[in-house]
Each structure stands twice: as C-alpha cells, then as structure tokens.
Amino acid sequence: MPQRHEIVVREYQRSADLERILEIAAALPAWFTRSGILSMRADLRYQCGFVAEDGNKKVVGFISFFVNQGKAEIGWIGIRPELHRQGVGRSLLHRLLRELEPAQVSELYVHTLGDAVDYEPYQRTRKFYRQMGFQDFKRIANPENPECEEELILLLKLPV
C-alpha cells in the first residue's frame, strides 16, 4: 500500500506556482499533450485555483477553476504520478467545493476524454470524478480532433 503523505492545500499564486504546476503537467504525458500544456499556461494566468503541497512544501498537485453565471468549471487538475490514488485529488476537489459554497454556485462541470476512447489513463480520470459524485452530462463527438475524439462533460450538482 502506498505511503500517505501530509498534504496542505492552499490558494494558487500565479507568480510563484505557475512553473511548478507546468512541471507536474509535463510529468503526466498520458494526460497532457504539448498543446494542452500551452493552453494550460495561458489559462492559468486567468483562472483561480489551489495547489497541494507535501510536508516539504513541494507542490504535488493543482486544480484550477472559473465561475460564470453561477456555474463553475474545473479548468485543469493534475497530481504528481507517484501520488496518484493517495487522496491528493480528493483534497483539492474538496477545497474547491468549500470555496464555491458561499458563492451559491449550484453546478460544477468538468470536461474530459469520453468513454468511447479506449485509453486507460482517462478511464481512471472518469472513475475518479464519478466516485466524487459527478454524473455524465453531455457527450460531444470530435472525429477531426485526434487528441479528443469524444469529449465528455461531467456535472456535479452542489447544494445551495
């Protein structure tokens, strides 16, 4: 069984954390392509979010989000590969939910690779979201996009 790590989640600081986040994304080539990382670099300049730090204050995970008309969307999430399935993603998502609560946000969406694409890393991604209570909301076929032939939008209804 993997060893549990002391994790502290704090707000993302653009100037201090951007390069650390991009390093994590680069360590996850099964999830983040080169073009995805370029998009992430641009998005993280405008999205809010949180980072997870281990006991040595090393950034080991991140989540970004944005809110539009009372609905929130996860922009990006990633966890260092050696810490997968150890509660870091769950801690980041719980922190995001606490942030959204006072703002009376009723829905949280996330876009991911759809079930029609047989790709093990994203099978784990979808399983994580579904275990966290997200439900399938919409499927979008993108046959011209080899990086995302089917997009799946998942929805988590939030209490308001």
N, C-alpha and C. Protein backbone atom coordinates (compact mmCIF):
# COMPACT_ATOMS: atom_id res chain seq x y z
N MET A 1 0.85 -1.19 0.00
CA MET A 1 0.00 0.00 0.00
C MET A 1 0.89 1.25 0.00
N PRO A 2 0.59 2.25 -0.85
CA PRO A 2 1.41 3.46 -0.89
C PRO A 2 1.37 4.20 0.44
N GLN A 3 2.44 4.87 0.74
CA GLN A 3 2.53 5.64 1.96
C GLN A 3 1.71 6.92 1.82
N ARG A 4 0.95 7.26 2.85
CA ARG A 4 0.18 8.50 2.86
C ARG A 4 1.11 9.67 3.16
N HIS A 5 0.85 10.78 2.52
CA HIS A 5 1.68 11.96 2.71
C HIS A 5 0.87 13.07 3.35
N GLU A 6 1.54 13.89 4.14
CA GLU A 6 0.92 15.08 4.72
C GLU A 6 0.70 16.07 3.58
N ILE A 7 -0.54 16.44 3.34
CA ILE A 7 -0.88 17.33 2.24
C ILE A 7 -1.55 18.58 2.79
N VAL A 8 -1.09 19.72 2.33
CA VAL A 8 -1.71 21.00 2.68
C VAL A 8 -2.16 21.64 1.37
N VAL A 9 -3.41 22.08 1.33
CA VAL A 9 -3.94 22.73 0.13
C VAL A 9 -4.04 24.22 0.41
N ARG A 10 -3.51 25.00 -0.52
CA ARG A 10 -3.55 26.46 -0.39
C ARG A 10 -3.90 27.08 -1.73
N GLU A 11 -4.23 28.37 -1.70
CA GLU A 11 -4.55 29.08 -2.94
C GLU A 11 -3.34 29.12 -3.86
N TYR A 12 -3.64 29.02 -5.13
CA TYR A 12 -2.63 29.11 -6.19
C TYR A 12 -2.15 30.55 -6.31
N GLN A 13 -0.84 30.75 -6.34
CA GLN A 13 -0.25 32.06 -6.53
C GLN A 13 0.42 32.07 -7.89
N ARG A 14 -0.14 32.86 -8.80
CA ARG A 14 0.31 32.82 -10.19
C ARG A 14 1.82 32.96 -10.35
N SER A 15 2.41 33.96 -9.73
CA SER A 15 3.84 34.20 -9.95
C SER A 15 4.70 33.09 -9.36
N ALA A 16 4.31 32.56 -8.23
CA ALA A 16 5.15 31.57 -7.54
C ALA A 16 4.88 30.14 -7.99
N ASP A 17 3.67 29.83 -8.44
CA ASP A 17 3.29 28.43 -8.65
C ASP A 17 3.18 27.99 -10.10
N LEU A 18 3.12 28.91 -11.05
CA LEU A 18 2.86 28.53 -12.44
C LEU A 18 3.87 27.51 -12.97
N GLU A 19 5.15 27.76 -12.80
CA GLU A 19 6.15 26.84 -13.33
C GLU A 19 6.10 25.48 -12.64
N ARG A 20 5.80 25.47 -11.35
CA ARG A 20 5.68 24.19 -10.62
C ARG A 20 4.51 23.37 -11.16
N ILE A 21 3.40 24.06 -11.44
CA ILE A 21 2.23 23.38 -11.99
C ILE A 21 2.55 22.81 -13.37
N LEU A 22 3.22 23.60 -14.19
CA LEU A 22 3.56 23.14 -15.54
C LEU A 22 4.53 21.96 -15.50
N GLU A 23 5.40 21.92 -14.49
CA GLU A 23 6.30 20.77 -14.32
C GLU A 23 5.50 19.50 -14.01
N ILE A 24 4.47 19.63 -13.18
CA ILE A 24 3.62 18.48 -12.88
C ILE A 24 2.93 18.02 -14.16
N ALA A 25 2.38 18.95 -14.92
CA ALA A 25 1.70 18.60 -16.16
C ALA A 25 2.66 17.89 -17.12
N ALA A 26 3.90 18.38 -17.21
CA ALA A 26 4.89 17.76 -18.10
C ALA A 26 5.24 16.33 -17.64
N ALA A 27 5.10 16.06 -16.35
CA ALA A 27 5.36 14.72 -15.81
C ALA A 27 4.19 13.77 -16.03
N LEU A 28 3.13 14.27 -16.66
CA LEU A 28 1.93 13.48 -16.92
C LEU A 28 1.61 13.43 -18.41
N PRO A 29 2.54 12.93 -19.25
CA PRO A 29 2.31 12.97 -20.69
C PRO A 29 1.10 12.13 -21.15
N ALA A 30 0.67 11.18 -20.35
CA ALA A 30 -0.52 10.40 -20.71
C ALA A 30 -1.79 11.24 -20.63
N TRP A 31 -1.73 12.36 -19.92
CA TRP A 31 -2.90 13.24 -19.76
C TRP A 31 -2.73 14.58 -20.48
N PHE A 32 -1.52 15.12 -20.49
CA PHE A 32 -1.31 16.47 -21.02
C PHE A 32 -0.37 16.44 -22.22
N THR A 33 -0.89 16.79 -23.37
CA THR A 33 -0.07 16.90 -24.58
C THR A 33 0.67 18.23 -24.56
N ARG A 34 1.57 18.39 -25.49
CA ARG A 34 2.30 19.67 -25.60
C ARG A 34 1.33 20.83 -25.82
N SER A 35 0.34 20.64 -26.70
CA SER A 35 -0.62 21.72 -26.94
C SER A 35 -1.48 21.97 -25.71
N GLY A 36 -1.79 20.91 -24.96
CA GLY A 36 -2.55 21.07 -23.73
C GLY A 36 -1.79 21.91 -22.71
N ILE A 37 -0.49 21.67 -22.61
CA ILE A 37 0.33 22.43 -21.66
C ILE A 37 0.42 23.89 -22.09
N LEU A 38 0.49 24.14 -23.38
CA LEU A 38 0.49 25.54 -23.85
C LEU A 38 -0.83 26.22 -23.50
N SER A 39 -1.94 25.52 -23.68
CA SER A 39 -3.25 26.07 -23.29
C SER A 39 -3.30 26.31 -21.79
N MET A 40 -2.77 25.37 -21.04
CA MET A 40 -2.77 25.50 -19.58
C MET A 40 -1.98 26.73 -19.16
N ARG A 41 -0.83 26.95 -19.77
CA ARG A 41 -0.01 28.12 -19.43
C ARG A 41 -0.82 29.40 -19.59
N ALA A 42 -1.59 29.49 -20.67
CA ALA A 42 -2.42 30.68 -20.91
C ALA A 42 -3.58 30.74 -19.92
N ASP A 43 -4.28 29.63 -19.74
CA ASP A 43 -5.47 29.61 -18.87
C ASP A 43 -5.13 29.95 -17.42
N LEU A 44 -4.03 29.44 -16.93
CA LEU A 44 -3.70 29.62 -15.51
C LEU A 44 -3.36 31.06 -15.17
N ARG A 45 -3.19 31.89 -16.17
CA ARG A 45 -2.97 33.31 -15.89
C ARG A 45 -4.27 33.99 -15.48
N TYR A 46 -5.41 33.33 -15.78
CA TYR A 46 -6.71 33.94 -15.52
C TYR A 46 -7.59 33.13 -14.59
N GLN A 47 -7.35 31.84 -14.48
CA GLN A 47 -8.18 31.00 -13.62
C GLN A 47 -7.68 31.04 -12.18
N CYS A 48 -8.59 30.86 -11.26
CA CYS A 48 -8.25 30.73 -9.84
C CYS A 48 -7.97 29.26 -9.57
N GLY A 49 -7.43 28.98 -8.40
CA GLY A 49 -7.23 27.58 -8.09
C GLY A 49 -6.43 27.36 -6.83
N PHE A 50 -6.06 26.11 -6.65
CA PHE A 50 -5.37 25.67 -5.45
C PHE A 50 -4.24 24.72 -5.83
N VAL A 51 -3.23 24.68 -4.99
CA VAL A 51 -2.16 23.71 -5.12
C VAL A 51 -2.11 22.88 -3.84
N ALA A 52 -1.66 21.64 -3.99
CA ALA A 52 -1.42 20.76 -2.85
C ALA A 52 0.09 20.70 -2.65
N GLU A 53 0.50 20.88 -1.41
CA GLU A 53 1.92 20.78 -1.06
C GLU A 53 2.12 19.61 -0.11
N ASP A 54 3.27 18.95 -0.25
CA ASP A 54 3.60 17.89 0.68
C ASP A 54 4.25 18.50 1.93
N GLY A 55 4.69 17.67 2.83
CA GLY A 55 5.28 18.15 4.08
C GLY A 55 6.54 18.97 3.90
N ASN A 56 7.16 18.88 2.72
CA ASN A 56 8.36 19.66 2.42
C ASN A 56 8.05 20.93 1.63
N LYS A 57 6.76 21.27 1.55
CA LYS A 57 6.29 22.45 0.81
C LYS A 57 6.52 22.34 -0.69
N LYS A 58 6.63 21.11 -1.18
CA LYS A 58 6.77 20.87 -2.62
C LYS A 58 5.37 20.75 -3.21
N VAL A 59 5.11 21.48 -4.30
CA VAL A 59 3.81 21.41 -4.95
C VAL A 59 3.70 20.04 -5.63
N VAL A 60 2.66 19.30 -5.25
CA VAL A 60 2.47 17.94 -5.77
C VAL A 60 1.17 17.77 -6.55
N GLY A 61 0.34 18.82 -6.58
CA GLY A 61 -0.91 18.74 -7.32
C GLY A 61 -1.53 20.12 -7.45
N PHE A 62 -2.50 20.21 -8.36
CA PHE A 62 -3.15 21.50 -8.60
C PHE A 62 -4.55 21.28 -9.15
N ILE A 63 -5.38 22.30 -8.96
CA ILE A 63 -6.70 22.35 -9.58
C ILE A 63 -6.98 23.81 -9.88
N SER A 64 -7.51 24.08 -11.07
CA SER A 64 -7.92 25.45 -11.41
C SER A 64 -9.40 25.44 -11.76
N PHE A 65 -10.01 26.61 -11.69
CA PHE A 65 -11.44 26.69 -11.97
C PHE A 65 -11.80 28.11 -12.36
N PHE A 66 -13.01 28.24 -12.90
CA PHE A 66 -13.58 29.56 -13.16
C PHE A 66 -15.08 29.46 -12.95
N VAL A 67 -15.70 30.60 -12.68
CA VAL A 67 -17.14 30.68 -12.43
C VAL A 67 -17.73 31.63 -13.45
N ASN A 68 -18.85 31.21 -14.02
CA ASN A 68 -19.56 32.03 -15.00
C ASN A 68 -21.06 31.86 -14.78
N GLN A 69 -21.74 32.93 -14.48
CA GLN A 69 -23.20 32.94 -14.29
C GLN A 69 -23.66 31.89 -13.29
N GLY A 70 -22.99 31.81 -12.16
CA GLY A 70 -23.41 30.92 -11.09
C GLY A 70 -23.04 29.46 -11.27
N LYS A 71 -22.29 29.15 -12.32
CA LYS A 71 -21.85 27.78 -12.56
C LYS A 71 -20.33 27.78 -12.64
N ALA A 72 -19.73 26.74 -12.08
CA ALA A 72 -18.27 26.65 -12.05
C ALA A 72 -17.80 25.53 -12.96
N GLU A 73 -16.57 25.67 -13.41
CA GLU A 73 -15.96 24.64 -14.24
C GLU A 73 -14.52 24.43 -13.81
N ILE A 74 -14.13 23.17 -13.71
CA ILE A 74 -12.74 22.86 -13.45
C ILE A 74 -11.99 23.09 -14.75
N GLY A 75 -10.93 23.88 -14.69
CA GLY A 75 -10.11 24.11 -15.87
C GLY A 75 -9.07 23.02 -16.03
N TRP A 76 -8.27 22.82 -15.00
CA TRP A 76 -7.17 21.86 -15.05
C TRP A 76 -7.00 21.21 -13.69
N ILE A 77 -6.59 19.97 -13.69
CA ILE A 77 -6.25 19.27 -12.45
C ILE A 77 -5.15 18.27 -12.78
N GLY A 78 -4.19 18.16 -11.89
CA GLY A 78 -3.12 17.18 -12.08
C GLY A 78 -2.42 16.90 -10.76
N ILE A 79 -1.98 15.67 -10.62
CA ILE A 79 -1.29 15.21 -9.41
C ILE A 79 -0.02 14.51 -9.85
N ARG A 80 1.08 14.74 -9.15
CA ARG A 80 2.33 14.04 -9.46
C ARG A 80 2.04 12.54 -9.55
N PRO A 81 2.58 11.86 -10.56
CA PRO A 81 2.21 10.46 -10.79
C PRO A 81 2.48 9.53 -9.60
N GLU A 82 3.53 9.78 -8.85
CA GLU A 82 3.84 8.91 -7.72
C GLU A 82 2.85 9.07 -6.56
N LEU A 83 1.98 10.08 -6.65
CA LEU A 83 1.00 10.32 -5.58
C LEU A 83 -0.43 10.03 -6.03
N HIS A 84 -0.60 9.44 -7.21
CA HIS A 84 -1.95 9.08 -7.65
C HIS A 84 -2.56 8.09 -6.66
N ARG A 85 -3.87 8.21 -6.48
CA ARG A 85 -4.66 7.31 -5.63
C ARG A 85 -4.26 7.40 -4.15
N GLN A 86 -3.81 8.58 -3.73
CA GLN A 86 -3.45 8.77 -2.33
C GLN A 86 -4.23 9.93 -1.70
N GLY A 87 -5.30 10.38 -2.34
CA GLY A 87 -6.17 11.39 -1.74
C GLY A 87 -5.85 12.83 -2.08
N VAL A 88 -4.82 13.07 -2.89
CA VAL A 88 -4.44 14.45 -3.22
C VAL A 88 -5.52 15.11 -4.08
N GLY A 89 -5.98 14.41 -5.12
CA GLY A 89 -7.05 14.95 -5.97
C GLY A 89 -8.32 15.20 -5.18
N ARG A 90 -8.65 14.27 -4.32
CA ARG A 90 -9.83 14.41 -3.46
C ARG A 90 -9.70 15.65 -2.56
N SER A 91 -8.51 15.86 -1.98
CA SER A 91 -8.28 17.03 -1.13
C SER A 91 -8.44 18.33 -1.91
N LEU A 92 -7.90 18.35 -3.14
CA LEU A 92 -8.03 19.55 -3.97
C LEU A 92 -9.49 19.81 -4.34
N LEU A 93 -10.21 18.77 -4.72
CA LEU A 93 -11.61 18.94 -5.09
C LEU A 93 -12.44 19.39 -3.90
N HIS A 94 -12.20 18.82 -2.73
CA HIS A 94 -12.93 19.24 -1.53
C HIS A 94 -12.67 20.71 -1.21
N ARG A 95 -11.43 21.15 -1.38
CA ARG A 95 -11.10 22.56 -1.13
C ARG A 95 -11.84 23.46 -2.11
N LEU A 96 -11.91 23.05 -3.37
CA LEU A 96 -12.65 23.81 -4.37
C LEU A 96 -14.13 23.88 -3.99
N LEU A 97 -14.71 22.79 -3.54
CA LEU A 97 -16.13 22.80 -3.16
C LEU A 97 -16.39 23.74 -1.99
N ARG A 98 -15.46 23.78 -1.04
CA ARG A 98 -15.60 24.73 0.09
C ARG A 98 -15.54 26.17 -0.41
N GLU A 99 -14.71 26.43 -1.42
CA GLU A 99 -14.60 27.77 -1.99
C GLU A 99 -15.89 28.19 -2.69
N LEU A 100 -16.53 27.26 -3.37
CA LEU A 100 -17.72 27.57 -4.15
C LEU A 100 -18.98 27.72 -3.28
N GLU A 101 -18.98 27.11 -2.11
CA GLU A 101 -20.17 27.09 -1.26
C GLU A 101 -20.73 28.48 -0.94
N PRO A 102 -19.93 29.42 -0.41
CA PRO A 102 -20.51 30.73 -0.07
C PRO A 102 -20.93 31.54 -1.29
N ALA A 103 -20.41 31.18 -2.46
CA ALA A 103 -20.77 31.91 -3.68
C ALA A 103 -22.09 31.41 -4.27
N GLN A 104 -22.72 30.42 -3.61
CA GLN A 104 -24.01 29.89 -4.06
C GLN A 104 -23.93 29.30 -5.47
N VAL A 105 -22.80 28.72 -5.80
CA VAL A 105 -22.65 28.05 -7.09
C VAL A 105 -23.43 26.73 -7.02
N SER A 106 -24.27 26.48 -8.02
CA SER A 106 -25.15 25.31 -7.98
C SER A 106 -24.64 24.12 -8.78
N GLU A 107 -23.70 24.37 -9.70
CA GLU A 107 -23.23 23.29 -10.56
C GLU A 107 -21.73 23.43 -10.81
N LEU A 108 -21.05 22.27 -10.82
CA LEU A 108 -19.63 22.22 -11.14
C LEU A 108 -19.45 21.25 -12.30
N TYR A 109 -18.85 21.72 -13.37
CA TYR A 109 -18.64 20.92 -14.58
C TYR A 109 -17.16 20.62 -14.75
N VAL A 110 -16.89 19.53 -15.47
CA VAL A 110 -15.53 19.23 -15.89
C VAL A 110 -15.61 18.54 -17.25
N HIS A 111 -14.70 18.91 -18.13
CA HIS A 111 -14.59 18.30 -19.47
C HIS A 111 -13.45 17.30 -19.42
N THR A 112 -13.68 16.13 -20.02
CA THR A 112 -12.65 15.10 -20.06
C THR A 112 -12.82 14.27 -21.32
N LEU A 113 -11.91 13.36 -21.52
CA LEU A 113 -11.97 12.47 -22.66
C LEU A 113 -13.10 11.47 -22.44
N GLY A 114 -13.92 11.24 -23.46
CA GLY A 114 -15.11 10.41 -23.32
C GLY A 114 -14.83 8.92 -23.26
N ASP A 115 -15.84 8.18 -22.82
CA ASP A 115 -15.76 6.72 -22.68
C ASP A 115 -15.53 6.00 -24.01
N ALA A 116 -15.93 6.62 -25.11
CA ALA A 116 -15.77 5.98 -26.42
C ALA A 116 -14.30 5.83 -26.81
N VAL A 117 -13.43 6.59 -26.16
CA VAL A 117 -11.99 6.49 -26.43
C VAL A 117 -11.41 5.51 -25.41
N ASP A 118 -10.91 4.38 -25.89
CA ASP A 118 -10.37 3.34 -25.02
C ASP A 118 -8.93 3.71 -24.65
N TYR A 119 -8.79 4.44 -23.55
CA TYR A 119 -7.49 4.93 -23.13
C TYR A 119 -7.43 4.87 -21.61
N GLU A 120 -6.63 3.97 -21.07
CA GLU A 120 -6.61 3.66 -19.65
C GLU A 120 -6.42 4.87 -18.73
N PRO A 121 -5.50 5.80 -19.01
CA PRO A 121 -5.37 6.93 -18.08
C PRO A 121 -6.68 7.70 -17.87
N TYR A 122 -7.45 7.87 -18.93
CA TYR A 122 -8.70 8.60 -18.78
C TYR A 122 -9.83 7.73 -18.25
N GLN A 123 -9.68 6.41 -18.32
CA GLN A 123 -10.63 5.56 -17.60
C GLN A 123 -10.51 5.83 -16.11
N ARG A 124 -9.26 5.99 -15.63
CA ARG A 124 -9.04 6.31 -14.21
C ARG A 124 -9.57 7.70 -13.88
N THR A 125 -9.38 8.65 -14.81
CA THR A 125 -9.87 10.02 -14.59
C THR A 125 -11.38 10.02 -14.43
N ARG A 126 -12.09 9.37 -15.35
CA ARG A 126 -13.56 9.33 -15.27
C ARG A 126 -14.01 8.62 -14.00
N LYS A 127 -13.32 7.54 -13.63
CA LYS A 127 -13.67 6.81 -12.40
C LYS A 127 -13.54 7.73 -11.19
N PHE A 128 -12.47 8.52 -11.14
CA PHE A 128 -12.28 9.46 -10.03
C PHE A 128 -13.46 10.42 -9.93
N TYR A 129 -13.80 11.06 -11.04
CA TYR A 129 -14.89 12.03 -11.00
C TYR A 129 -16.21 11.38 -10.61
N ARG A 130 -16.48 10.22 -11.17
CA ARG A 130 -17.74 9.54 -10.85
C ARG A 130 -17.78 9.13 -9.39
N GLN A 131 -16.65 8.69 -8.83
CA GLN A 131 -16.61 8.36 -7.40
C GLN A 131 -16.83 9.61 -6.54
N MET A 132 -16.49 10.77 -7.07
CA MET A 132 -16.68 12.03 -6.34
C MET A 132 -18.09 12.58 -6.51
N GLY A 133 -18.95 11.87 -7.25
CA GLY A 133 -20.34 12.26 -7.37
C GLY A 133 -20.72 12.92 -8.68
N PHE A 134 -19.77 13.09 -9.59
CA PHE A 134 -20.08 13.68 -10.89
C PHE A 134 -20.91 12.69 -11.71
N GLN A 135 -21.83 13.23 -12.52
CA GLN A 135 -22.67 12.42 -13.40
C GLN A 135 -22.43 12.86 -14.83
N ASP A 136 -22.61 11.93 -15.75
CA ASP A 136 -22.49 12.26 -17.17
C ASP A 136 -23.52 13.32 -17.51
N PHE A 137 -23.10 14.36 -18.20
CA PHE A 137 -23.99 15.45 -18.59
C PHE A 137 -24.16 15.51 -20.11
N LYS A 138 -23.03 15.46 -20.84
CA LYS A 138 -23.11 15.61 -22.29
C LYS A 138 -21.89 14.98 -22.94
N ARG A 139 -22.10 14.35 -24.10
CA ARG A 139 -21.02 13.80 -24.91
C ARG A 139 -20.95 14.57 -26.22
N ILE A 140 -19.74 14.87 -26.63
CA ILE A 140 -19.54 15.62 -27.88
C ILE A 140 -18.53 14.85 -28.73
N ALA A 141 -18.95 14.43 -29.91
CA ALA A 141 -18.05 13.73 -30.83
C ALA A 141 -17.20 14.75 -31.56
N ASN A 142 -15.89 14.49 -31.59
CA ASN A 142 -14.93 15.35 -32.29
C ASN A 142 -14.05 14.49 -33.19
N PRO A 143 -14.61 13.85 -34.24
CA PRO A 143 -13.80 12.92 -35.03
C PRO A 143 -12.59 13.56 -35.71
N GLU A 144 -12.61 14.88 -35.91
CA GLU A 144 -11.46 15.54 -36.55
C GLU A 144 -10.34 15.87 -35.57
N ASN A 145 -10.57 15.69 -34.29
CA ASN A 145 -9.57 16.02 -33.28
C ASN A 145 -8.95 14.74 -32.72
N PRO A 146 -7.77 14.35 -33.19
CA PRO A 146 -7.17 13.10 -32.72
C PRO A 146 -6.80 13.11 -31.23
N GLU A 147 -6.68 14.29 -30.62
CA GLU A 147 -6.36 14.35 -29.19
C GLU A 147 -7.60 14.16 -28.33
N CYS A 148 -8.79 14.34 -28.91
CA CYS A 148 -10.03 14.23 -28.13
C CYS A 148 -11.18 13.88 -29.07
N GLU A 149 -11.23 12.60 -29.47
CA GLU A 149 -12.25 12.19 -30.43
C GLU A 149 -13.65 12.21 -29.84
N GLU A 150 -13.75 12.06 -28.53
CA GLU A 150 -15.03 12.24 -27.84
C GLU A 150 -14.77 12.99 -26.55
N GLU A 151 -15.51 14.06 -26.35
CA GLU A 151 -15.41 14.84 -25.12
C GLU A 151 -16.61 14.48 -24.26
N LEU A 152 -16.36 14.33 -22.98
CA LEU A 152 -17.41 14.04 -22.01
C LEU A 152 -17.44 15.20 -21.01
N ILE A 153 -18.62 15.75 -20.83
CA ILE A 153 -18.81 16.78 -19.81
C ILE A 153 -19.53 16.11 -18.65
N LEU A 154 -18.92 16.21 -17.47
CA LEU A 154 -19.49 15.65 -16.25
C LEU A 154 -19.99 16.80 -15.39
N LEU A 155 -21.01 16.54 -14.60
CA LEU A 155 -21.66 17.56 -13.77
C LEU A 155 -21.79 17.06 -12.34
N LEU A 156 -21.46 17.95 -11.42
CA LEU A 156 -21.71 17.71 -10.00
C LEU A 156 -22.67 18.78 -9.52
N LYS A 157 -23.86 18.37 -9.10
CA LYS A 157 -24.86 19.31 -8.55
C LYS A 157 -24.43 19.65 -7.12
N LEU A 158 -24.43 20.95 -6.80
CA LEU A 158 -23.99 21.40 -5.49
C LEU A 158 -25.19 21.91 -4.69
N PRO A 159 -25.19 21.68 -3.39
CA PRO A 159 -26.28 22.20 -2.56
C PRO A 159 -26.16 23.72 -2.44
N VAL A 160 -27.27 24.41 -2.59
CA VAL A 160 -27.26 25.88 -2.43
C VAL A 160 -28.28 26.30 -1.41
